[in-house]
């Protein structure tokens, strides 16, 4: 779809560019065509979709879907139905939705059918049909996965990858924090953190100037705070000590 549009612009404009031979040179139409064809190989590009429904929805009525409220006639990519035979392109309506006319037969809805998203929380993303073999629309369970050009990523120990979200696995990864303590007035201090647990490890209190580790009463008072209390006779100067901790 967009590859034809781009090619047409260049052709109508009459731009004549020789083949590029260096990395920073503009490419010719022939080189552009070759690159686009390689990127599109094996993929079925039909049209764009107003939004994508990534969880189960009622296929009737007009309501907000992932940050966008469709109008009647909008094409919607449905990929998260509890009954996967309902997945695929649909046309929104005030009443019952209908299957998209361009993808309501086995000849039209095939492996590598792609649905680029225009609006909502997932604008700019693409879902691709990964179900293989003969497909009967309305009978075959359809699986769509988010698809992107370029690199793909997988999780490892301590790191999870869910769709486009890469995050630390709290059950494996060690998270840490630190804070400077002392104000020249108080002997007790509350340190706030974002580790969301009282199960802290490696808690240390160090004098910044000397690097010497010192003792004090240290209590994980909540999942987001630590209380450090010195002997009443000890009034730490401004930022005299550093508290370090992990979870």
Foldseek 3Di string as FASTA:
>chain_A
DVLVVVLVVCVVVVDADDADDDDPDDHGSVVSVVVVCVVCPPAAEDDAFAEEAQAADAQFAWDDGQADTDDAQTWYQYAHHPQQLQGGIWGYDRGGIGHDPQCQAQVRDAFNYKYAHCDHPRHRWMWGWHDHDGDGRSPDRIHIAIDDPDDDDQDDFQWHDDRPDIDGDLVGDKDKDKDFDAAQPDQKDKDFADQQQQPKPDKWKAFPVPRDTDDFDWHSPGSTMIMTGHPRVDHGHGRRMMIMIMD
